[in-house]
N, C-alpha and C. Protein backbone atom coordinates (compact mmCIF):
# COMPACT_ATOMS: atom_id res chain seq x y z
N ARG A 1 -24.36 -1.76 29.73
CA ARG A 1 -24.47 -0.58 30.58
C ARG A 1 -25.52 -0.85 31.65
N GLU A 2 -25.23 -0.39 32.85
CA GLU A 2 -26.18 -0.60 33.94
C GLU A 2 -27.41 0.26 33.78
N GLU A 3 -27.22 1.48 33.33
CA GLU A 3 -28.33 2.41 33.12
C GLU A 3 -28.58 2.56 31.62
N PRO A 4 -29.82 2.46 31.18
CA PRO A 4 -30.09 2.68 29.75
C PRO A 4 -29.68 4.09 29.35
N GLN A 5 -29.06 4.19 28.18
CA GLN A 5 -28.64 5.49 27.69
C GLN A 5 -29.10 5.65 26.24
N GLU A 6 -29.29 6.89 25.85
CA GLU A 6 -29.69 7.18 24.49
C GLU A 6 -28.57 6.77 23.52
N LEU A 7 -28.96 6.12 22.43
CA LEU A 7 -28.00 5.71 21.42
C LEU A 7 -27.48 6.93 20.69
N GLN A 8 -26.15 7.13 20.74
CA GLN A 8 -25.56 8.29 20.10
C GLN A 8 -24.51 7.94 19.07
N GLU A 9 -24.08 6.68 19.05
CA GLU A 9 -23.08 6.28 18.08
C GLU A 9 -23.14 4.78 17.86
N MET A 10 -22.51 4.35 16.79
CA MET A 10 -22.43 2.94 16.45
C MET A 10 -21.59 2.24 17.51
N ASP A 11 -21.98 1.02 17.88
CA ASP A 11 -21.19 0.30 18.88
C ASP A 11 -19.83 -0.06 18.28
N PRO A 12 -18.81 -0.24 19.13
CA PRO A 12 -17.45 -0.47 18.64
C PRO A 12 -17.30 -1.68 17.72
N LEU A 13 -18.00 -2.77 18.00
CA LEU A 13 -17.89 -3.96 17.17
C LEU A 13 -18.44 -3.70 15.77
N THR A 14 -19.60 -3.06 15.69
CA THR A 14 -20.19 -2.74 14.38
C THR A 14 -19.29 -1.77 13.64
N ARG A 15 -18.77 -0.79 14.36
CA ARG A 15 -17.86 0.20 13.76
C ARG A 15 -16.64 -0.50 13.14
N GLY A 16 -16.01 -1.36 13.90
CA GLY A 16 -14.84 -2.08 13.41
C GLY A 16 -15.17 -2.99 12.24
N ASN A 17 -16.26 -3.73 12.34
CA ASN A 17 -16.67 -4.61 11.25
C ASN A 17 -16.96 -3.82 9.98
N PHE A 18 -17.60 -2.68 10.13
CA PHE A 18 -17.92 -1.84 8.98
C PHE A 18 -16.64 -1.38 8.28
N VAL A 19 -15.71 -0.82 9.04
CA VAL A 19 -14.46 -0.31 8.47
C VAL A 19 -13.70 -1.44 7.78
N HIS A 20 -13.60 -2.60 8.42
CA HIS A 20 -12.87 -3.72 7.83
C HIS A 20 -13.55 -4.22 6.56
N ALA A 21 -14.87 -4.28 6.55
CA ALA A 21 -15.59 -4.74 5.35
C ALA A 21 -15.39 -3.78 4.18
N VAL A 22 -15.53 -2.49 4.43
CA VAL A 22 -15.34 -1.49 3.37
C VAL A 22 -13.90 -1.55 2.86
N HIS A 23 -12.96 -1.57 3.78
CA HIS A 23 -11.55 -1.60 3.40
C HIS A 23 -11.23 -2.83 2.56
N ALA A 24 -11.67 -3.99 3.00
CA ALA A 24 -11.36 -5.23 2.27
C ALA A 24 -11.94 -5.18 0.85
N ARG A 25 -13.16 -4.76 0.73
CA ARG A 25 -13.77 -4.70 -0.60
C ARG A 25 -13.05 -3.69 -1.50
N LEU A 26 -12.59 -2.63 -0.91
CA LEU A 26 -11.83 -1.64 -1.68
C LEU A 26 -10.53 -2.27 -2.21
N VAL A 27 -9.82 -2.98 -1.38
CA VAL A 27 -8.57 -3.62 -1.79
C VAL A 27 -8.85 -4.68 -2.85
N TRP A 28 -9.91 -5.47 -2.66
CA TRP A 28 -10.21 -6.56 -3.59
C TRP A 28 -10.61 -6.07 -4.98
N ARG A 29 -10.99 -4.80 -5.09
CA ARG A 29 -11.33 -4.26 -6.42
C ARG A 29 -10.09 -4.01 -7.26
N GLY A 30 -8.92 -4.08 -6.65
CA GLY A 30 -7.68 -3.97 -7.41
C GLY A 30 -7.05 -2.61 -7.33
N PRO A 31 -5.84 -2.50 -7.88
CA PRO A 31 -5.08 -1.26 -7.79
C PRO A 31 -5.73 -0.14 -8.61
N ALA A 32 -5.49 1.07 -8.15
CA ALA A 32 -6.00 2.25 -8.86
C ALA A 32 -5.29 3.47 -8.31
N ASP A 33 -5.39 4.58 -9.06
CA ASP A 33 -4.81 5.83 -8.56
C ASP A 33 -5.65 6.33 -7.39
N LEU A 34 -5.17 7.34 -6.71
CA LEU A 34 -5.83 7.83 -5.50
C LEU A 34 -7.26 8.27 -5.75
N ASN A 35 -7.50 9.04 -6.80
CA ASN A 35 -8.86 9.53 -7.07
C ASN A 35 -9.83 8.39 -7.32
N THR A 36 -9.39 7.38 -8.05
CA THR A 36 -10.26 6.22 -8.30
C THR A 36 -10.52 5.47 -7.00
N GLN A 37 -9.49 5.34 -6.18
CA GLN A 37 -9.68 4.65 -4.89
C GLN A 37 -10.67 5.40 -4.01
N LEU A 38 -10.58 6.72 -3.99
CA LEU A 38 -11.52 7.51 -3.18
C LEU A 38 -12.95 7.33 -3.69
N GLN A 39 -13.14 7.29 -5.00
CA GLN A 39 -14.47 7.07 -5.56
C GLN A 39 -14.97 5.67 -5.20
N ARG A 40 -14.10 4.68 -5.32
CA ARG A 40 -14.47 3.31 -4.95
C ARG A 40 -14.80 3.21 -3.47
N LEU A 41 -14.06 3.94 -2.65
CA LEU A 41 -14.32 3.94 -1.21
C LEU A 41 -15.73 4.42 -0.93
N ALA A 42 -16.14 5.49 -1.57
CA ALA A 42 -17.50 6.01 -1.38
C ALA A 42 -18.54 4.97 -1.82
N GLU A 43 -18.28 4.30 -2.93
CA GLU A 43 -19.21 3.29 -3.44
C GLU A 43 -19.31 2.10 -2.49
N GLU A 44 -18.17 1.60 -2.05
CA GLU A 44 -18.17 0.44 -1.15
C GLU A 44 -18.78 0.78 0.20
N SER A 45 -18.51 1.98 0.68
CA SER A 45 -19.09 2.41 1.95
C SER A 45 -20.61 2.43 1.85
N ALA A 46 -21.13 2.93 0.76
CA ALA A 46 -22.60 2.97 0.56
C ALA A 46 -23.17 1.56 0.49
N ARG A 47 -22.48 0.66 -0.21
CA ARG A 47 -22.96 -0.73 -0.31
C ARG A 47 -22.98 -1.42 1.05
N VAL A 48 -21.88 -1.28 1.78
CA VAL A 48 -21.80 -1.94 3.09
C VAL A 48 -22.82 -1.32 4.04
N ALA A 49 -22.99 -0.01 3.99
CA ALA A 49 -23.98 0.65 4.85
C ALA A 49 -25.38 0.12 4.57
N GLU A 50 -25.69 -0.07 3.30
CA GLU A 50 -27.01 -0.61 2.93
C GLU A 50 -27.19 -2.03 3.47
N GLU A 51 -26.16 -2.86 3.33
CA GLU A 51 -26.22 -4.23 3.85
C GLU A 51 -26.37 -4.24 5.37
N TYR A 52 -25.58 -3.41 6.05
CA TYR A 52 -25.63 -3.35 7.50
C TYR A 52 -26.98 -2.82 7.99
N ALA A 53 -27.50 -1.81 7.31
CA ALA A 53 -28.80 -1.25 7.72
C ALA A 53 -29.89 -2.31 7.60
N GLU A 54 -29.83 -3.10 6.55
CA GLU A 54 -30.82 -4.17 6.38
C GLU A 54 -30.64 -5.26 7.43
N LEU A 55 -29.40 -5.60 7.71
CA LEU A 55 -29.09 -6.66 8.67
C LEU A 55 -29.36 -6.22 10.12
N LEU A 56 -28.93 -5.01 10.46
CA LEU A 56 -28.99 -4.54 11.85
C LEU A 56 -30.28 -3.81 12.20
N ASN A 57 -30.95 -3.29 11.19
CA ASN A 57 -32.16 -2.50 11.41
C ASN A 57 -31.93 -1.50 12.55
N PRO A 58 -31.05 -0.51 12.33
CA PRO A 58 -30.70 0.41 13.41
C PRO A 58 -31.91 1.14 13.98
N LEU A 59 -31.90 1.30 15.30
CA LEU A 59 -33.02 1.95 15.98
C LEU A 59 -33.18 3.40 15.55
N VAL A 60 -32.08 4.07 15.34
CA VAL A 60 -32.12 5.48 14.95
C VAL A 60 -31.36 5.60 13.61
N PRO A 61 -32.07 5.50 12.49
CA PRO A 61 -31.40 5.52 11.19
C PRO A 61 -30.51 6.75 10.96
N ARG A 62 -30.91 7.89 11.49
CA ARG A 62 -30.10 9.11 11.29
C ARG A 62 -28.74 8.99 11.96
N ILE A 63 -28.69 8.41 13.17
CA ILE A 63 -27.42 8.22 13.86
C ILE A 63 -26.55 7.25 13.07
N PHE A 64 -27.16 6.18 12.57
CA PHE A 64 -26.43 5.21 11.77
C PHE A 64 -25.85 5.89 10.52
N ALA A 65 -26.66 6.68 9.83
CA ALA A 65 -26.21 7.38 8.62
C ALA A 65 -25.09 8.37 8.94
N ASP A 66 -25.22 9.07 10.07
CA ASP A 66 -24.18 10.02 10.47
C ASP A 66 -22.86 9.30 10.77
N GLU A 67 -22.94 8.15 11.45
CA GLU A 67 -21.74 7.37 11.75
C GLU A 67 -21.09 6.86 10.46
N VAL A 68 -21.91 6.39 9.52
CA VAL A 68 -21.38 5.91 8.25
C VAL A 68 -20.67 7.06 7.52
N ALA A 69 -21.27 8.23 7.51
CA ALA A 69 -20.65 9.39 6.85
C ALA A 69 -19.33 9.74 7.53
N MET A 70 -19.30 9.71 8.85
CA MET A 70 -18.08 10.04 9.59
C MET A 70 -16.99 8.99 9.31
N LEU A 71 -17.35 7.71 9.34
CA LEU A 71 -16.37 6.66 9.08
C LEU A 71 -15.84 6.74 7.65
N THR A 72 -16.71 7.04 6.71
CA THR A 72 -16.29 7.17 5.32
C THR A 72 -15.32 8.33 5.17
N GLN A 73 -15.59 9.43 5.85
CA GLN A 73 -14.69 10.58 5.81
C GLN A 73 -13.34 10.24 6.45
N GLU A 74 -13.37 9.54 7.58
CA GLU A 74 -12.13 9.15 8.24
C GLU A 74 -11.30 8.22 7.34
N MET A 75 -11.98 7.27 6.67
CA MET A 75 -11.26 6.36 5.78
C MET A 75 -10.69 7.11 4.58
N SER A 76 -11.41 8.10 4.08
CA SER A 76 -10.91 8.91 2.96
C SER A 76 -9.66 9.68 3.38
N GLU A 77 -9.70 10.28 4.55
CA GLU A 77 -8.54 11.02 5.05
C GLU A 77 -7.35 10.09 5.24
N TRP A 78 -7.60 8.91 5.80
CA TRP A 78 -6.54 7.94 5.99
C TRP A 78 -5.93 7.54 4.65
N LEU A 79 -6.77 7.26 3.67
CA LEU A 79 -6.29 6.85 2.36
C LEU A 79 -5.44 7.94 1.72
N ARG A 80 -5.84 9.17 1.85
CA ARG A 80 -5.03 10.28 1.31
C ARG A 80 -3.65 10.35 1.97
N ARG A 81 -3.60 10.08 3.29
CA ARG A 81 -2.33 10.15 4.02
C ARG A 81 -1.39 9.00 3.67
N VAL A 82 -1.94 7.82 3.45
CA VAL A 82 -1.07 6.65 3.27
C VAL A 82 -0.79 6.31 1.81
N TYR A 83 -1.49 6.93 0.88
CA TYR A 83 -1.33 6.56 -0.53
C TYR A 83 0.09 6.86 -1.01
N GLU A 84 0.72 5.84 -1.56
CA GLU A 84 2.03 5.96 -2.19
C GLU A 84 1.97 5.15 -3.47
N PRO A 85 2.25 5.77 -4.62
CA PRO A 85 2.10 5.07 -5.90
C PRO A 85 2.94 3.81 -6.04
N ASP A 86 4.08 3.72 -5.32
CA ASP A 86 4.94 2.54 -5.43
C ASP A 86 4.44 1.35 -4.62
N TRP A 87 3.44 1.58 -3.78
CA TRP A 87 2.88 0.50 -2.95
C TRP A 87 1.47 0.18 -3.41
N GLU A 88 1.20 -1.11 -3.59
CA GLU A 88 -0.14 -1.56 -4.01
C GLU A 88 -0.73 -2.44 -2.91
N ALA A 89 -1.93 -2.07 -2.46
CA ALA A 89 -2.63 -2.93 -1.50
C ALA A 89 -3.11 -4.16 -2.27
N ARG A 90 -2.60 -5.32 -1.91
CA ARG A 90 -2.89 -6.53 -2.67
C ARG A 90 -3.80 -7.50 -1.92
N TYR A 91 -3.67 -7.54 -0.59
CA TYR A 91 -4.45 -8.48 0.21
C TYR A 91 -5.15 -7.72 1.34
N ALA A 92 -6.35 -8.16 1.67
CA ALA A 92 -7.09 -7.60 2.80
C ALA A 92 -7.80 -8.73 3.52
N GLU A 93 -7.74 -8.71 4.83
CA GLU A 93 -8.31 -9.78 5.65
C GLU A 93 -7.69 -11.12 5.25
N LEU A 94 -6.37 -11.13 5.10
CA LEU A 94 -5.61 -12.33 4.76
C LEU A 94 -5.53 -13.19 6.02
N ALA A 95 -6.17 -14.34 5.98
CA ALA A 95 -6.32 -15.15 7.20
C ALA A 95 -5.54 -16.45 7.12
N PHE A 96 -5.17 -16.92 8.30
CA PHE A 96 -4.50 -18.20 8.48
C PHE A 96 -5.30 -18.98 9.52
N ASN A 97 -5.81 -20.14 9.12
CA ASN A 97 -6.48 -21.05 10.05
C ASN A 97 -7.68 -20.42 10.76
N LEU A 98 -8.48 -19.63 10.03
CA LEU A 98 -9.69 -19.07 10.60
C LEU A 98 -10.89 -19.57 9.81
N SER A 99 -12.02 -19.62 10.48
CA SER A 99 -13.24 -20.09 9.82
C SER A 99 -13.67 -19.11 8.73
N GLY A 100 -14.56 -19.56 7.90
CA GLY A 100 -15.04 -18.74 6.79
C GLY A 100 -16.29 -17.96 7.14
N ASP A 101 -16.50 -17.63 8.42
CA ASP A 101 -17.71 -16.93 8.82
C ASP A 101 -17.72 -15.46 8.41
N LEU A 102 -16.55 -14.89 8.12
CA LEU A 102 -16.45 -13.51 7.66
C LEU A 102 -15.83 -13.50 6.28
N GLU A 103 -15.95 -12.37 5.60
CA GLU A 103 -15.30 -12.24 4.31
C GLU A 103 -13.79 -12.28 4.52
N ARG A 104 -13.13 -13.15 3.80
CA ARG A 104 -11.68 -13.29 3.89
C ARG A 104 -11.08 -13.15 2.50
N ASP A 105 -9.83 -12.77 2.45
CA ASP A 105 -9.12 -12.67 1.19
C ASP A 105 -9.08 -14.04 0.51
N PRO A 106 -9.22 -14.08 -0.81
CA PRO A 106 -9.15 -15.37 -1.51
C PRO A 106 -7.82 -16.09 -1.31
N ALA A 107 -6.76 -15.37 -0.99
CA ALA A 107 -5.45 -15.99 -0.75
C ALA A 107 -5.32 -16.55 0.67
N SER A 108 -6.35 -16.43 1.48
CA SER A 108 -6.31 -16.95 2.85
C SER A 108 -6.04 -18.44 2.84
N GLN A 109 -5.42 -18.89 3.92
CA GLN A 109 -5.02 -20.29 4.00
C GLN A 109 -5.77 -21.00 5.13
N PRO A 110 -6.24 -22.22 4.86
CA PRO A 110 -6.98 -22.94 5.90
C PRO A 110 -6.10 -23.43 7.04
N ASP A 111 -4.80 -23.56 6.78
CA ASP A 111 -3.87 -24.06 7.79
C ASP A 111 -3.19 -22.91 8.52
N PRO A 112 -2.67 -23.17 9.71
CA PRO A 112 -1.93 -22.13 10.42
C PRO A 112 -0.66 -21.75 9.64
N ALA A 113 -0.19 -20.54 9.85
CA ALA A 113 1.05 -20.09 9.23
C ALA A 113 2.22 -20.58 10.07
N GLU A 114 3.24 -21.09 9.42
CA GLU A 114 4.46 -21.53 10.10
C GLU A 114 5.35 -20.31 10.30
N VAL A 115 5.68 -20.00 11.55
CA VAL A 115 6.51 -18.83 11.82
C VAL A 115 7.90 -19.19 12.33
N GLY A 116 8.27 -20.46 12.23
CA GLY A 116 9.61 -20.89 12.60
C GLY A 116 9.67 -21.60 13.93
N HIS A 117 10.67 -22.45 14.07
CA HIS A 117 10.93 -23.21 15.30
C HIS A 117 9.71 -24.00 15.77
N GLY A 118 8.88 -24.44 14.82
CA GLY A 118 7.72 -25.26 15.15
C GLY A 118 6.49 -24.48 15.61
N TYR A 119 6.57 -23.16 15.64
CA TYR A 119 5.43 -22.35 16.06
C TYR A 119 4.50 -22.09 14.88
N ARG A 120 3.21 -22.15 15.16
CA ARG A 120 2.21 -21.91 14.13
C ARG A 120 1.27 -20.80 14.62
N LEU A 121 0.74 -20.05 13.67
CA LEU A 121 -0.04 -18.87 14.00
C LEU A 121 -1.37 -18.89 13.25
N ARG A 122 -2.41 -18.48 13.94
CA ARG A 122 -3.70 -18.27 13.28
C ARG A 122 -4.09 -16.82 13.52
N GLY A 123 -4.77 -16.25 12.54
CA GLY A 123 -5.17 -14.86 12.66
C GLY A 123 -5.51 -14.28 11.31
N SER A 124 -5.78 -12.99 11.30
CA SER A 124 -6.16 -12.31 10.08
C SER A 124 -5.41 -10.98 10.01
N ILE A 125 -4.82 -10.70 8.87
CA ILE A 125 -4.03 -9.49 8.67
C ILE A 125 -4.87 -8.53 7.84
N ASP A 126 -5.02 -7.31 8.34
CA ASP A 126 -5.92 -6.35 7.71
C ASP A 126 -5.53 -5.99 6.29
N ARG A 127 -4.25 -5.73 6.07
CA ARG A 127 -3.84 -5.24 4.75
C ARG A 127 -2.37 -5.62 4.52
N VAL A 128 -2.11 -6.15 3.33
CA VAL A 128 -0.74 -6.44 2.91
C VAL A 128 -0.52 -5.66 1.62
N GLU A 129 0.53 -4.83 1.64
CA GLU A 129 0.87 -4.04 0.46
C GLU A 129 2.14 -4.59 -0.16
N VAL A 130 2.22 -4.48 -1.48
CA VAL A 130 3.38 -4.96 -2.21
C VAL A 130 4.04 -3.77 -2.89
N HIS A 131 5.35 -3.61 -2.68
CA HIS A 131 6.12 -2.54 -3.31
C HIS A 131 6.44 -2.93 -4.74
N SER A 132 6.65 -1.95 -5.58
CA SER A 132 6.97 -2.21 -6.98
C SER A 132 8.23 -3.06 -7.13
N GLN A 133 9.09 -3.09 -6.10
CA GLN A 133 10.29 -3.91 -6.14
C GLN A 133 10.13 -5.25 -5.44
N GLY A 134 8.90 -5.56 -4.97
CA GLY A 134 8.60 -6.88 -4.45
C GLY A 134 8.53 -7.06 -2.95
N SER A 135 8.98 -6.10 -2.15
CA SER A 135 8.89 -6.28 -0.70
C SER A 135 7.45 -6.03 -0.24
N LEU A 136 7.16 -6.50 0.96
CA LEU A 136 5.81 -6.42 1.52
C LEU A 136 5.78 -5.48 2.72
N ARG A 137 4.60 -4.92 2.96
CA ARG A 137 4.37 -4.08 4.14
C ARG A 137 3.00 -4.44 4.69
N LEU A 138 2.91 -4.59 6.00
CA LEU A 138 1.64 -4.93 6.66
C LEU A 138 1.04 -3.69 7.29
N VAL A 139 -0.29 -3.61 7.24
CA VAL A 139 -1.01 -2.50 7.85
C VAL A 139 -2.09 -3.09 8.75
N ASP A 140 -2.15 -2.63 9.99
CA ASP A 140 -3.16 -3.06 10.94
C ASP A 140 -4.10 -1.89 11.16
N LEU A 141 -5.34 -2.02 10.74
CA LEU A 141 -6.31 -0.94 10.90
C LEU A 141 -6.78 -0.87 12.35
N LYS A 142 -6.84 0.32 12.89
CA LYS A 142 -7.32 0.54 14.25
C LYS A 142 -8.59 1.38 14.17
N THR A 143 -9.68 0.85 14.72
CA THR A 143 -10.95 1.55 14.65
C THR A 143 -11.43 2.08 15.98
N GLY A 144 -10.70 1.80 17.05
CA GLY A 144 -11.09 2.31 18.36
C GLY A 144 -10.86 3.80 18.47
N ARG A 145 -11.53 4.41 19.41
CA ARG A 145 -11.39 5.85 19.59
C ARG A 145 -10.14 6.22 20.39
N SER A 146 -9.66 5.31 21.25
CA SER A 146 -8.48 5.64 22.04
C SER A 146 -7.23 5.24 21.27
N ARG A 147 -6.17 5.94 21.52
CA ARG A 147 -4.89 5.69 20.87
C ARG A 147 -3.92 5.13 21.90
N PRO A 148 -3.08 4.16 21.48
CA PRO A 148 -2.11 3.63 22.44
C PRO A 148 -1.10 4.71 22.82
N SER A 149 -0.58 4.58 24.03
CA SER A 149 0.41 5.55 24.49
C SER A 149 1.73 5.33 23.77
N GLN A 150 2.60 6.29 23.86
CA GLN A 150 3.92 6.17 23.26
C GLN A 150 4.79 5.20 24.05
N ASP A 151 4.38 4.88 25.28
CA ASP A 151 5.11 3.95 26.13
C ASP A 151 4.74 2.53 25.67
N PHE A 152 5.41 2.05 24.64
CA PHE A 152 5.07 0.79 23.98
C PHE A 152 5.65 -0.39 24.75
N ARG A 153 4.81 -1.33 25.11
CA ARG A 153 5.25 -2.48 25.90
C ARG A 153 4.76 -3.77 25.25
N LEU A 154 5.41 -4.86 25.60
CA LEU A 154 4.97 -6.17 25.12
C LEU A 154 3.74 -6.66 25.87
N GLY A 155 3.36 -6.00 26.94
CA GLY A 155 2.29 -6.37 27.84
C GLY A 155 1.24 -7.32 27.32
N LYS A 156 0.38 -6.88 26.46
CA LYS A 156 -0.73 -7.70 25.98
C LYS A 156 -0.50 -8.12 24.53
N GLY A 157 0.72 -8.13 24.10
CA GLY A 157 1.04 -8.56 22.74
C GLY A 157 0.99 -7.45 21.71
N GLU A 158 0.82 -6.19 22.16
CA GLU A 158 0.69 -5.08 21.22
C GLU A 158 1.90 -4.99 20.29
N ALA A 159 3.09 -5.25 20.79
CA ALA A 159 4.29 -5.15 19.96
C ALA A 159 4.65 -6.48 19.32
N LEU A 160 4.15 -7.56 19.85
CA LEU A 160 4.48 -8.88 19.34
C LEU A 160 3.64 -9.24 18.11
N GLN A 161 2.40 -8.81 18.06
CA GLN A 161 1.51 -9.16 16.95
C GLN A 161 2.08 -8.77 15.59
N PRO A 162 2.55 -7.54 15.39
CA PRO A 162 3.08 -7.20 14.07
C PRO A 162 4.29 -8.05 13.66
N VAL A 163 5.13 -8.39 14.62
CA VAL A 163 6.30 -9.21 14.32
C VAL A 163 5.87 -10.61 13.89
N LEU A 164 4.95 -11.20 14.62
CA LEU A 164 4.47 -12.54 14.28
C LEU A 164 3.74 -12.54 12.93
N TYR A 165 2.92 -11.54 12.70
CA TYR A 165 2.23 -11.46 11.42
C TYR A 165 3.22 -11.27 10.27
N ALA A 166 4.27 -10.50 10.49
CA ALA A 166 5.29 -10.32 9.45
C ALA A 166 5.95 -11.66 9.13
N LEU A 167 6.26 -12.44 10.14
CA LEU A 167 6.86 -13.76 9.91
C LEU A 167 5.89 -14.67 9.15
N ALA A 168 4.62 -14.61 9.51
CA ALA A 168 3.61 -15.46 8.85
C ALA A 168 3.46 -15.08 7.37
N VAL A 169 3.37 -13.80 7.08
CA VAL A 169 3.21 -13.34 5.70
C VAL A 169 4.46 -13.61 4.89
N GLN A 170 5.61 -13.38 5.50
CA GLN A 170 6.87 -13.63 4.80
C GLN A 170 6.97 -15.09 4.39
N ALA A 171 6.58 -16.00 5.27
CA ALA A 171 6.63 -17.43 4.96
C ALA A 171 5.56 -17.81 3.92
N ALA A 172 4.37 -17.27 4.07
CA ALA A 172 3.26 -17.64 3.18
C ALA A 172 3.43 -17.09 1.77
N LEU A 173 3.93 -15.86 1.65
CA LEU A 173 4.03 -15.21 0.35
C LEU A 173 5.46 -15.21 -0.21
N ASN A 174 6.38 -15.75 0.56
CA ASN A 174 7.77 -15.90 0.13
C ASN A 174 8.37 -14.58 -0.40
N ALA A 175 8.23 -13.54 0.40
CA ALA A 175 8.79 -12.23 0.06
C ALA A 175 9.15 -11.52 1.36
N PRO A 176 10.16 -10.66 1.33
CA PRO A 176 10.55 -9.97 2.56
C PRO A 176 9.52 -8.94 3.00
N VAL A 177 9.30 -8.86 4.30
CA VAL A 177 8.39 -7.88 4.87
C VAL A 177 9.21 -6.79 5.51
N LEU A 178 8.89 -5.53 5.17
CA LEU A 178 9.60 -4.39 5.75
C LEU A 178 9.01 -4.00 7.08
C-alpha cells in the first residue's frame, strides 16, 4: 500500500494458509460424524492459531484472534453445508511434483501427475473425497473475499484447473472422479 493504513484484518496469504492448514489437519484426523468433525475443527483451529501467533507475532493480537474466530465460524458453516455421510474426506493438500516446504498429504507424489497424451501436471489439490461406492470428488477451497462471476470463462484457467486436477487424481488413485 502506498499509504500506511491501520491493520484491520489478516492479510490474504495468511488467511488462505490458515484455512488450508486447519482443513488439512482436520481431514488427516480421519473420518467422523458431523459433530465430531466440528469439535475437531475447533481444536485444530486453536492449534494452528497458536502456531501462527508464535510464528507471525501479530501486531494487534485482538485483530488476529477476531480473524481466527471468524474463519473458524466460516469453516464450521461450510462443513455443515457440505457434510454428506456417504462421502469421506480422505486426502487434503494432495500434491504432485511440489516441494515439501508446506504440509502435504502423505499420499502426495514427488513426480508430476500424468494426465494423458504426454502431458504432466504439478500442483496441490485441497480436498479429495471418496464415496462409499468408490468414486472420487474434488473440492477446491476458496478463501478470497470476492466471488467469481457466473460468466465462467477459460480466461485464466479458472475452468481448466478442476478438469486437469480430476484427470491427475483419477490417474493417481485409479478411481473415477465425478
